[in-house]
C-alpha atoms as a PDB file:
ATOM      1  CA  UNK A   1     -24.649  27.826  -0.570  1.00  0.00           C
ATOM      2  CA  UNK A   2     -27.555  29.273   1.422  1.00  0.00           C
ATOM      3  CA  UNK A   3     -28.462  25.954   3.022  1.00  0.00           C
ATOM      4  CA  UNK A   4     -24.907  25.540   4.319  1.00  0.00           C
ATOM      5  CA  UNK A   5     -25.097  28.896   6.071  1.00  0.00           C
ATOM      6  CA  UNK A   6     -28.508  27.974   7.476  1.00  0.00           C
ATOM      7  CA  UNK A   7     -27.114  24.652   8.733  1.00  0.00           C
ATOM      8  CA  UNK A   8     -24.216  26.330  10.524  1.00  0.00           C
ATOM      9  CA  UNK A   9     -26.450  29.010  12.001  1.00  0.00           C
ATOM     10  CA  UNK A  10     -28.660  26.279  13.450  1.00  0.00           C
ATOM     11  CA  UNK A  11     -25.585  24.571  14.899  1.00  0.00           C
ATOM     12  CA  UNK A  12     -24.434  27.916  16.320  1.00  0.00           C
ATOM     13  CA  UNK A  13     -27.840  28.493  17.896  1.00  0.00           C
ATOM     14  CA  UNK A  14     -27.821  25.009  19.423  1.00  0.00           C
ATOM     15  CA  UNK A  15     -24.333  25.471  20.821  1.00  0.00           C
ATOM     16  CA  UNK A  16     -25.466  28.612  22.625  1.00  0.00           C
ATOM     17  CA  UNK A  17     -28.638  27.174  24.130  1.00  0.00           C
ATOM     18  CA  UNK A  18     -26.788  24.854  26.475  1.00  0.00           C
ATOM     19  CA  UNK A  19     -29.655  23.413  28.505  1.00  0.00           C
ATOM     20  CA  UNK A  20     -31.593  22.199  25.467  1.00  0.00           C
ATOM     21  CA  UNK A  21     -28.644  21.382  23.198  1.00  0.00           C
ATOM     22  CA  UNK A  22     -26.747  19.204  25.666  1.00  0.00           C
ATOM     23  CA  UNK A  23     -29.855  17.146  26.390  1.00  0.00           C
ATOM     24  CA  UNK A  24     -30.587  16.726  22.679  1.00  0.00           C
ATOM     25  CA  UNK A  25     -26.988  15.876  21.824  1.00  0.00           C
ATOM     26  CA  UNK A  26     -26.763  13.335  24.639  1.00  0.00           C
ATOM     27  CA  UNK A  27     -30.057  11.758  23.574  1.00  0.00           C
ATOM     28  CA  UNK A  28     -28.966  11.654  19.935  1.00  0.00           C
ATOM     29  CA  UNK A  29     -25.588  10.195  20.902  1.00  0.00           C
ATOM     30  CA  UNK A  30     -27.122   7.353  22.904  1.00  0.00           C
ATOM     31  CA  UNK A  31     -29.710   6.673  20.192  1.00  0.00           C
ATOM     32  CA  UNK A  32     -26.968   6.682  17.547  1.00  0.00           C
ATOM     33  CA  UNK A  33     -24.914   4.209  19.565  1.00  0.00           C
ATOM     34  CA  UNK A  34     -27.878   1.856  19.816  1.00  0.00           C
ATOM     35  CA  UNK A  35     -28.664   1.868  16.105  1.00  0.00           C
END
């Protein structure tokens, strides 16, 4: 169960670092749409 907690903590950290997370999420979204 430890890896699940680690996964959510990473998501939580990303959600709170807006400048970096939004850019990454937008990039990932566009890349995902193109695959």
